Protein backbone atom coordinates (compact mmCIF):
# COMPACT_ATOMS: atom_id res chain seq x y z
CA UNK A 1 8.93 -12.40 6.52
CA UNK A 2 12.09 -12.26 4.34
CA UNK A 3 11.34 -15.12 2.37
CA UNK A 4 7.54 -14.10 1.81
CA UNK A 5 8.48 -10.59 0.58
CA UNK A 6 9.85 -12.02 -2.50
CA UNK A 7 7.09 -14.09 -3.47
CA UNK A 8 4.34 -16.23 -2.07
CA UNK A 9 5.43 -19.69 -0.95
CA UNK A 10 4.10 -23.18 0.05
CA UNK A 11 4.98 -24.56 3.36
CA UNK A 12 7.49 -27.09 2.11
CA UNK A 13 9.29 -24.61 0.22
CA UNK A 14 9.86 -22.68 3.01
CA UNK A 15 11.12 -25.80 5.08
CA UNK A 16 13.45 -26.52 1.90
CA UNK A 17 14.91 -23.00 2.02
CA UNK A 18 15.37 -22.78 5.82
CA UNK A 19 17.12 -26.16 5.56
CA UNK A 20 19.52 -25.00 2.93
CA UNK A 21 20.37 -22.22 5.02
CA UNK A 22 21.39 -24.88 7.47
CA UNK A 23 18.96 -23.51 10.03
CA UNK A 24 18.21 -27.37 10.64
CA UNK A 25 14.86 -28.86 10.88
CA UNK A 26 12.41 -26.23 11.85
CA UNK A 27 10.14 -26.87 14.59
CA UNK A 28 6.77 -27.40 13.12
CA UNK A 29 5.03 -25.70 15.89
CA UNK A 30 7.24 -22.63 15.52
CA UNK A 31 6.97 -22.48 11.74
CA UNK A 32 3.19 -22.53 11.83
CA UNK A 33 3.05 -20.12 14.78
CA UNK A 34 5.15 -17.52 12.80
CA UNK A 35 3.18 -18.14 9.52
CA UNK A 36 0.01 -17.26 11.22
CA UNK A 37 1.50 -14.11 12.68
CA UNK A 38 3.13 -12.82 9.24
CA UNK A 39 1.32 -14.46 6.62
CA UNK A 40 -2.17 -15.00 4.92
CA UNK A 41 -2.87 -18.46 3.39
CA UNK A 42 -4.11 -18.57 -0.04
CA UNK A 43 -6.60 -21.40 -0.32
CA UNK A 44 -6.87 -21.67 -4.02
CA UNK A 45 -2.96 -21.51 -4.53
CA UNK A 46 -2.19 -23.44 -1.06
CA UNK A 47 0.52 -20.79 -0.48
CA UNK A 48 1.45 -18.16 2.28
CA UNK A 49 1.59 -14.49 1.06
CA UNK A 50 3.18 -11.80 3.37
CA UNK A 51 0.53 -9.91 5.17
CA UNK A 52 -0.01 -6.34 4.01
CA UNK A 53 1.43 -3.60 6.26
CA UNK A 54 4.70 -5.77 7.06
CA UNK A 55 6.81 -4.59 4.33
CA UNK A 56 8.61 -2.32 6.81
CA UNK A 57 9.84 -5.74 8.44
CA UNK A 58 11.73 -6.71 5.20
CA UNK A 59 15.54 -6.02 5.36
CA UNK A 60 17.27 -5.97 2.13
CA UNK A 61 20.65 -7.06 3.84
CA UNK A 62 19.08 -10.15 5.65
CA UNK A 63 22.05 -12.74 5.22
CA UNK A 64 19.68 -15.52 3.53
CA UNK A 65 19.34 -13.59 0.33
CA UNK A 66 21.40 -14.13 -2.67
CA UNK A 67 22.79 -11.10 -4.44
CA UNK A 68 19.74 -11.22 -7.05
CA UNK A 69 17.39 -11.25 -4.15
CA UNK A 70 19.01 -8.57 -2.69
CA UNK A 71 18.24 -6.39 -5.83
CA UNK A 72 14.78 -7.67 -5.81
CA UNK A 73 13.79 -6.63 -2.32
CA UNK A 74 15.54 -2.93 -3.03
CA UNK A 75 13.00 -2.67 -5.93
CA UNK A 76 10.06 -3.88 -3.92
CA UNK A 77 11.03 -1.32 -1.11
CA UNK A 78 11.04 1.61 -3.62
CA UNK A 79 7.85 0.51 -4.74
CA UNK A 80 6.30 -0.03 -1.41
CA UNK A 81 7.53 3.34 -0.30
CA UNK A 82 5.48 5.24 -2.77
């Protein structure tokens, strides 16, 4: 949810980001199940987008965000609250 809040991602981008956070190799079954729950696959772009209505799940203070991403999430949260 936290990564998809910023922008759509392809599956390999999500895996790379998770590995970069030293989460280790994610279990593919777990990752696909989680994606089905929180994301919609855009078949034209082959990427996952956060499902509408899940903006309230996004946490600005998520430890995986960079300082720039935290600012971006704060701006998005202001827009979502309108």
